[in-house]
Amino acid sequence: MRARPLTVALAHGSVSGGVVDPQLSDAVSKVGSVLESLGHNVFERPQARDDVFVDAFVKMFSSLAGTKPIPEEYEHLLRPIVQHLRVQASEVPSGDLAAAIGIVQAWARRWSLDYADADLVVTPTVTKPPLAIGELRNDEDPATELIDMVAFTGNTVVANATGFPSISLPLGWTEDGVPLGVMISAKWGCDAELLSAAAMLEAEMPWKDRYRFDRATVL
């Protein structure tokens, strides 16, 4: 029995405010075209930037880093970015943290309503093609590193905030053969629908033979 047609929203842009590389936008559009060719209903609804939400999420994230019990004599062994997060956490009053949690929860609810008419939401996973390991690292200025990390990670915080099932798939490629992630999110409890769509896309846009390295040598 053929599955019912899905309603799919293409959400170009990034909630983090990071500028999305055109290659990633193109990858999202191609996914939309493939799903449409398979009989699904596809429309566009941009992912809006929201600095208030992102700031609140970073405050929560920093507080999580600060909750880890680490003996004082070992603090210096942490990477500067982690030390920075822990310092930030120690400076956030409990009232401010509670307010940040409320902002994130309210935003998650609003986002779910904005896309309530979609079974799936397709976005760029991050805002740029994959970077070299350590390229964002800035031990001399971890505050700037955090800003750059937030801009780069793009829409991954949407899944963190909403709790919606999400999956990132290599459905775009640079000219050099580097995979580009496209994130697909479904609604609560619709994991099967999400995995079914992922399987459809893998069948139509296979990637297992496109990697440049010998996968058999990767542990």
C-alpha atoms as a PDB file:
ATOM      1  CA  MET A   1       0.000   0.000   0.000  1.00  0.00           C
ATOM      2  CA  ARG A   2       1.437   3.356  -1.008  1.00  0.00           C
ATOM      3  CA  ALA A   3       2.080   5.775   1.858  1.00  0.00           C
ATOM      4  CA  ARG A   4       0.061   8.990   1.893  1.00  0.00           C
ATOM      5  CA  PRO A   5       1.658  12.063   0.324  1.00  0.00           C
ATOM      6  CA  LEU A   6       3.556  14.149   2.861  1.00  0.00           C
ATOM      7  CA  THR A   7       3.447  17.901   3.221  1.00  0.00           C
ATOM      8  CA  VAL A   8       7.002  19.222   3.295  1.00  0.00           C
ATOM      9  CA  ALA A   9       8.240  22.701   4.214  1.00  0.00           C
ATOM     10  CA  LEU A  10      11.572  23.894   2.841  1.00  0.00           C
ATOM     11  CA  ALA A  11      12.942  26.251   5.488  1.00  0.00           C
ATOM     12  CA  HIS A  12      15.881  28.073   3.949  1.00  0.00           C
ATOM     13  CA  GLY A  13      17.858  30.263   6.303  1.00  0.00           C
ATOM     14  CA  SER A  14      19.195  29.806   9.813  1.00  0.00           C
ATOM     15  CA  VAL A  15      17.720  30.591  13.208  1.00  0.00           C
ATOM     16  CA  SER A  16      21.258  31.354  14.427  1.00  0.00           C
ATOM     17  CA  GLY A  17      21.603  34.219  11.969  1.00  0.00           C
ATOM     18  CA  GLY A  18      24.615  32.665  10.275  1.00  0.00           C
ATOM     19  CA  VAL A  19      24.670  33.297   6.525  1.00  0.00           C
ATOM     20  CA  VAL A  20      23.791  30.062   4.737  1.00  0.00           C
ATOM     21  CA  ASP A  21      26.202  29.082   1.987  1.00  0.00           C
ATOM     22  CA  PRO A  22      24.418  28.912  -1.414  1.00  0.00           C
ATOM     23  CA  GLN A  23      25.553  25.306  -1.839  1.00  0.00           C
ATOM     24  CA  LEU A  24      23.552  24.319   1.223  1.00  0.00           C
ATOM     25  CA  SER A  25      20.507  26.252   0.067  1.00  0.00           C
ATOM     26  CA  ASP A  26      20.756  24.459  -3.266  1.00  0.00           C
ATOM     27  CA  ALA A  27      20.924  21.107  -1.474  1.00  0.00           C
ATOM     28  CA  VAL A  28      17.690  21.898   0.386  1.00  0.00           C
ATOM     29  CA  SER A  29      16.013  22.887  -2.896  1.00  0.00           C
ATOM     30  CA  LYS A  30      17.138  19.659  -4.575  1.00  0.00           C
ATOM     31  CA  VAL A  31      15.677  17.609  -1.732  1.00  0.00           C
ATOM     32  CA  GLY A  32      12.406  19.464  -2.218  1.00  0.00           C
ATOM     33  CA  SER A  33      12.445  18.715  -5.947  1.00  0.00           C
ATOM     34  CA  VAL A  34      13.063  15.013  -5.332  1.00  0.00           C
ATOM     35  CA  LEU A  35      10.263  14.764  -2.776  1.00  0.00           C
ATOM     36  CA  GLU A  36       7.918  16.609  -5.122  1.00  0.00           C
ATOM     37  CA  SER A  37       8.781  14.201  -7.935  1.00  0.00           C
ATOM     38  CA  LEU A  38       7.791  11.361  -5.608  1.00  0.00           C
ATOM     39  CA  GLY A  39       4.313  12.830  -5.209  1.00  0.00           C
ATOM     40  CA  HIS A  40       4.726  14.795  -1.988  1.00  0.00           C
ATOM     41  CA  ASN A  41       3.477  18.337  -1.478  1.00  0.00           C
ATOM     42  CA  VAL A  42       6.343  20.812  -1.074  1.00  0.00           C
ATOM     43  CA  PHE A  43       6.247  24.496  -0.169  1.00  0.00           C
ATOM     44  CA  GLU A  44       8.739  27.077   1.077  1.00  0.00           C
ATOM     45  CA  ARG A  45       8.614  28.832   4.443  1.00  0.00           C
ATOM     46  CA  PRO A  46      11.868  30.544   5.457  1.00  0.00           C
ATOM     47  CA  GLN A  47      13.499  29.804   8.784  1.00  0.00           C
ATOM     48  CA  ALA A  48      13.543  33.165  10.531  1.00  0.00           C
ATOM     49  CA  ARG A  49      16.531  34.410  12.497  1.00  0.00           C
ATOM     50  CA  ASP A  50      15.832  34.826  16.221  1.00  0.00           C
ATOM     51  CA  ASP A  51      18.638  36.338  18.293  1.00  0.00           C
ATOM     52  CA  VAL A  52      16.597  36.363  21.512  1.00  0.00           C
ATOM     53  CA  PHE A  53      15.981  32.615  21.285  1.00  0.00           C
ATOM     54  CA  VAL A  54      19.587  31.872  20.382  1.00  0.00           C
ATOM     55  CA  ASP A  55      20.936  33.972  23.262  1.00  0.00           C
ATOM     56  CA  ALA A  56      18.620  32.162  25.676  1.00  0.00           C
ATOM     57  CA  PHE A  57      19.663  28.780  24.290  1.00  0.00           C
ATOM     58  CA  VAL A  58      23.362  29.651  24.674  1.00  0.00           C
ATOM     59  CA  LYS A  59      22.690  30.669  28.277  1.00  0.00           C
ATOM     60  CA  MET A  60      21.120  27.252  28.913  1.00  0.00           C
ATOM     61  CA  PHE A  61      23.971  25.490  27.095  1.00  0.00           C
ATOM     62  CA  SER A  62      26.566  27.342  29.151  1.00  0.00           C
ATOM     63  CA  SER A  63      24.769  26.429  32.350  1.00  0.00           C
ATOM     64  CA  LEU A  64      24.904  22.749  31.425  1.00  0.00           C
ATOM     65  CA  ALA A  65      28.689  23.016  31.091  1.00  0.00           C
ATOM     66  CA  GLY A  66      28.805  24.717  34.470  1.00  0.00           C
ATOM     67  CA  THR A  67      26.899  21.958  36.252  1.00  0.00           C
ATOM     68  CA  LYS A  68      29.622  19.347  35.721  1.00  0.00           C
ATOM     69  CA  PRO A  69      31.523  18.790  38.977  1.00  0.00           C
ATOM     70  CA  ILE A  70      35.235  19.187  38.260  1.00  0.00           C
ATOM     71  CA  PRO A  71      37.863  19.543  40.999  1.00  0.00           C
ATOM     72  CA  GLU A  72      39.296  23.053  40.980  1.00  0.00           C
ATOM     73  CA  GLU A  73      42.828  21.776  40.478  1.00  0.00           C
ATOM     74  CA  TYR A  74      41.787  20.228  37.146  1.00  0.00           C
ATOM     75  CA  GLU A  75      39.963  23.228  35.703  1.00  0.00           C
ATOM     76  CA  HIS A  76      43.093  24.380  33.876  1.00  0.00           C
ATOM     77  CA  LEU A  77      43.080  21.150  31.852  1.00  0.00           C
ATOM     78  CA  LEU A  78      39.813  22.115  30.170  1.00  0.00           C
ATOM     79  CA  ARG A  79      39.822  23.719  26.750  1.00  0.00           C
ATOM     80  CA  PRO A  80      39.476  27.517  26.885  1.00  0.00           C
ATOM     81  CA  ILE A  81      36.011  27.376  25.317  1.00  0.00           C
ATOM     82  CA  VAL A  82      34.805  25.039  28.085  1.00  0.00           C
ATOM     83  CA  GLN A  83      36.362  27.242  30.746  1.00  0.00           C
ATOM     84  CA  HIS A  84      34.585  30.196  29.156  1.00  0.00           C
ATOM     85  CA  LEU A  85      31.231  28.394  29.267  1.00  0.00           C
ATOM     86  CA  ARG A  86      31.739  27.502  32.914  1.00  0.00           C
ATOM     87  CA  VAL A  87      32.576  31.089  33.812  1.00  0.00           C
ATOM     88  CA  GLN A  88      29.480  32.285  31.989  1.00  0.00           C
ATOM     89  CA  ALA A  89      27.382  29.725  33.851  1.00  0.00           C
ATOM     90  CA  SER A  90      28.683  30.913  37.204  1.00  0.00           C
ATOM     91  CA  GLU A  91      27.679  34.484  36.371  1.00  0.00           C
ATOM     92  CA  VAL A  92      24.067  33.721  35.397  1.00  0.00           C
ATOM     93  CA  PRO A  93      21.593  34.375  38.254  1.00  0.00           C
ATOM     94  CA  SER A  94      19.017  31.620  38.767  1.00  0.00           C
ATOM     95  CA  GLY A  95      16.242  34.021  37.755  1.00  0.00           C
ATOM     96  CA  ASP A  96      17.941  34.757  34.439  1.00  0.00           C
ATOM     97  CA  LEU A  97      18.406  31.052  33.778  1.00  0.00           C
ATOM     98  CA  ALA A  98      14.737  30.373  34.517  1.00  0.00           C
ATOM     99  CA  ALA A  99      13.797  33.188  32.126  1.00  0.00           C
ATOM    100  CA  ALA A 100      16.055  31.731  29.423  1.00  0.00           C
ATOM    101  CA  ILE A 101      14.428  28.325  29.799  1.00  0.00           C
ATOM    102  CA  GLY A 102      11.018  29.964  29.460  1.00  0.00           C
ATOM    103  CA  ILE A 103      12.103  31.781  26.291  1.00  0.00           C
ATOM    104  CA  VAL A 104      13.382  28.562  24.714  1.00  0.00           C
ATOM    105  CA  GLN A 105      10.209  26.663  25.626  1.00  0.00           C
ATOM    106  CA  ALA A 106       7.976  29.430  24.261  1.00  0.00           C
ATOM    107  CA  TRP A 107      10.012  29.606  21.049  1.00  0.00           C
ATOM    108  CA  ALA A 108       9.802  25.836  20.592  1.00  0.00           C
ATOM    109  CA  ARG A 109       6.036  26.004  20.939  1.00  0.00           C
ATOM    110  CA  ARG A 110       5.819  28.894  18.471  1.00  0.00           C
ATOM    111  CA  TRP A 111       8.049  27.082  15.964  1.00  0.00           C
ATOM    112  CA  SER A 112       5.905  23.956  16.164  1.00  0.00           C
ATOM    113  CA  LEU A 113       2.815  26.064  15.431  1.00  0.00           C
ATOM    114  CA  ASP A 114       4.527  27.898  12.560  1.00  0.00           C
ATOM    115  CA  TYR A 115       5.142  24.539  10.865  1.00  0.00           C
ATOM    116  CA  ALA A 116       2.028  22.743  12.121  1.00  0.00           C
ATOM    117  CA  ASP A 117       0.792  22.299   8.536  1.00  0.00           C
ATOM    118  CA  ALA A 118       3.953  20.398   7.543  1.00  0.00           C
ATOM    119  CA  ASP A 119       4.716  16.725   8.148  1.00  0.00           C
ATOM    120  CA  LEU A 120       8.400  17.384   7.530  1.00  0.00           C
ATOM    121  CA  VAL A 121      10.596  20.484   7.697  1.00  0.00           C
ATOM    122  CA  VAL A 122      13.765  20.501   5.593  1.00  0.00           C
ATOM    123  CA  THR A 123      16.593  22.886   6.491  1.00  0.00           C
ATOM    124  CA  PRO A 124      20.349  23.213   6.030  1.00  0.00           C
ATOM    125  CA  THR A 125      21.953  21.343   8.927  1.00  0.00           C
ATOM    126  CA  VAL A 126      24.729  23.906   9.335  1.00  0.00           C
ATOM    127  CA  THR A 127      25.435  27.187   7.561  1.00  0.00           C
ATOM    128  CA  LYS A 128      28.694  26.326   5.785  1.00  0.00           C
ATOM    129  CA  PRO A 129      30.287  23.325   4.084  1.00  0.00           C
ATOM    130  CA  PRO A 130      32.259  21.125   6.505  1.00  0.00           C
ATOM    131  CA  LEU A 131      35.221  22.913   8.062  1.00  0.00           C
ATOM    132  CA  ALA A 132      38.625  21.487   8.857  1.00  0.00           C
ATOM    133  CA  ILE A 133      38.997  20.068  12.367  1.00  0.00           C
ATOM    134  CA  GLY A 134      39.899  22.924  14.682  1.00  0.00           C
ATOM    135  CA  GLU A 135      39.105  25.653  12.151  1.00  0.00           C
ATOM    136  CA  LEU A 136      36.654  27.342  14.521  1.00  0.00           C
ATOM    137  CA  ARG A 137      38.906  26.905  17.538  1.00  0.00           C
ATOM    138  CA  ASN A 138      40.122  30.154  19.069  1.00  0.00           C
ATOM    139  CA  ASP A 139      41.899  29.547  22.356  1.00  0.00           C
ATOM    140  CA  GLU A 140      42.988  33.181  22.578  1.00  0.00           C
ATOM    141  CA  ASP A 141      39.400  34.415  22.329  1.00  0.00           C
ATOM    142  CA  PRO A 142      36.910  31.701  23.358  1.00  0.00           C
ATOM    143  CA  ALA A 143      34.054  34.217  23.417  1.00  0.00           C
ATOM    144  CA  THR A 144      34.527  34.748  19.686  1.00  0.00           C
ATOM    145  CA  GLU A 145      34.825  30.996  19.194  1.00  0.00           C
ATOM    146  CA  LEU A 146      31.429  30.558  20.826  1.00  0.00           C
ATOM    147  CA  ILE A 147      29.885  33.195  18.549  1.00  0.00           C
ATOM    148  CA  ASP A 148      31.380  31.487  15.487  1.00  0.00           C
ATOM    149  CA  MET A 149      30.213  28.062  16.656  1.00  0.00           C
ATOM    150  CA  VAL A 150      26.654  29.288  17.139  1.00  0.00           C
ATOM    151  CA  ALA A 151      26.604  30.879  13.676  1.00  0.00           C
ATOM    152  CA  PHE A 152      27.989  27.699  12.098  1.00  0.00           C
ATOM    153  CA  THR A 153      25.706  25.170  13.809  1.00  0.00           C
ATOM    154  CA  GLY A 154      22.709  26.915  12.297  1.00  0.00           C
ATOM    155  CA  ASN A 155      19.479  24.988  12.727  1.00  0.00           C
ATOM    156  CA  THR A 156      20.627  22.076  14.890  1.00  0.00           C
ATOM    157  CA  VAL A 157      19.344  24.018  17.914  1.00  0.00           C
ATOM    158  CA  VAL A 158      15.819  23.700  16.490  1.00  0.00           C
ATOM    159  CA  ALA A 159      15.858  19.965  17.183  1.00  0.00           C
ATOM    160  CA  ASN A 160      17.447  20.540  20.594  1.00  0.00           C
ATOM    161  CA  ALA A 161      14.790  23.072  21.590  1.00  0.00           C
ATOM    162  CA  THR A 162      11.690  21.346  20.213  1.00  0.00           C
ATOM    163  CA  GLY A 163      12.609  17.739  20.902  1.00  0.00           C
ATOM    164  CA  PHE A 164      11.268  16.869  17.452  1.00  0.00           C
ATOM    165  CA  PRO A 165      12.836  13.800  15.815  1.00  0.00           C
ATOM    166  CA  SER A 166      15.417  15.000  13.285  1.00  0.00           C
ATOM    167  CA  ILE A 167      17.986  13.466  11.000  1.00  0.00           C
ATOM    168  CA  SER A 168      20.854  14.953   9.005  1.00  0.00           C
ATOM    169  CA  LEU A 169      21.673  13.312   5.687  1.00  0.00           C
ATOM    170  CA  PRO A 170      24.441  13.957   3.113  1.00  0.00           C
ATOM    171  CA  LEU A 171      22.131  15.074   0.319  1.00  0.00           C
ATOM    172  CA  GLY A 172      24.308  17.764  -1.233  1.00  0.00           C
ATOM    173  CA  TRP A 173      27.887  17.798  -2.461  1.00  0.00           C
ATOM    174  CA  THR A 174      30.581  20.376  -3.118  1.00  0.00           C
ATOM    175  CA  GLU A 175      32.530  20.342  -6.374  1.00  0.00           C
ATOM    176  CA  ASP A 176      35.340  18.640  -4.450  1.00  0.00           C
ATOM    177  CA  GLY A 177      33.063  15.806  -3.373  1.00  0.00           C
ATOM    178  CA  VAL A 178      32.537  16.923   0.221  1.00  0.00           C
ATOM    179  CA  PRO A 179      29.085  16.012   1.599  1.00  0.00           C
ATOM    180  CA  LEU A 180      26.651  18.717   2.678  1.00  0.00           C
ATOM    181  CA  GLY A 181      24.158  17.981   5.423  1.00  0.00           C
ATOM    182  CA  VAL A 182      20.436  18.537   5.046  1.00  0.00           C
ATOM    183  CA  MET A 183      18.353  18.232   8.231  1.00  0.00           C
ATOM    184  CA  ILE A 184      14.839  16.836   8.155  1.00  0.00           C
ATOM    185  CA  SER A 185      12.523  17.170  11.154  1.00  0.00           C
ATOM    186  CA  ALA A 186       9.183  15.500  11.809  1.00  0.00           C
ATOM    187  CA  LYS A 187       6.630  15.978  14.569  1.00  0.00           C
ATOM    188  CA  TRP A 188       6.638  14.371  17.986  1.00  0.00           C
ATOM    189  CA  GLY A 189       5.969  10.656  17.722  1.00  0.00           C
ATOM    190  CA  CYS A 190       6.453  10.608  13.953  1.00  0.00           C
ATOM    191  CA  ASP A 191       9.852   8.916  13.960  1.00  0.00           C
ATOM    192  CA  ALA A 192       8.645   6.210  11.568  1.00  0.00           C
ATOM    193  CA  GLU A 193       7.504   8.826   9.067  1.00  0.00           C
ATOM    194  CA  LEU A 194      10.878  10.562   9.334  1.00  0.00           C
ATOM    195  CA  LEU A 195      12.861   7.353   8.805  1.00  0.00           C
ATOM    196  CA  SER A 196      10.622   6.383   5.905  1.00  0.00           C
ATOM    197  CA  ALA A 197      11.302   9.726   4.208  1.00  0.00           C
ATOM    198  CA  ALA A 198      15.029   9.324   4.891  1.00  0.00           C
ATOM    199  CA  ALA A 199      14.965   5.886   3.244  1.00  0.00           C
ATOM    200  CA  MET A 200      13.143   7.321   0.218  1.00  0.00           C
ATOM    201  CA  LEU A 201      15.760  10.050  -0.148  1.00  0.00           C
ATOM    202  CA  GLU A 202      18.632   7.615   0.234  1.00  0.00           C
ATOM    203  CA  ALA A 203      17.144   5.485  -2.549  1.00  0.00           C
ATOM    204  CA  GLU A 204      16.734   8.519  -4.826  1.00  0.00           C
ATOM    205  CA  MET A 205      19.937  10.352  -3.826  1.00  0.00           C
ATOM    206  CA  PRO A 206      22.336   7.559  -2.764  1.00  0.00           C
ATOM    207  CA  TRP A 207      25.616   8.526  -1.132  1.00  0.00           C
ATOM    208  CA  LYS A 208      27.327   5.278  -0.142  1.00  0.00           C
ATOM    209  CA  ASP A 209      29.515   5.236  -3.262  1.00  0.00           C
ATOM    210  CA  ARG A 210      30.308   8.947  -3.322  1.00  0.00           C
ATOM    211  CA  TYR A 211      32.776   9.200  -0.469  1.00  0.00           C
ATOM    212  CA  ARG A 212      36.362   9.839  -1.531  1.00  0.00           C
ATOM    213  CA  PHE A 213      37.983   7.686   1.150  1.00  0.00           C
ATOM    214  CA  ASP A 214      38.024   3.921   1.525  1.00  0.00           C
ATOM    215  CA  ARG A 215      35.215   3.362   4.009  1.00  0.00           C
ATOM    216  CA  ALA A 216      36.515  -0.141   4.742  1.00  0.00           C
ATOM    217  CA  THR A 217      39.550   1.416   6.431  1.00  0.00           C
ATOM    218  CA  VAL A 218      37.458   3.539   8.808  1.00  0.00           C
ATOM    219  CA  LEU A 219      36.950   1.923  12.202  1.00  0.00           C
END
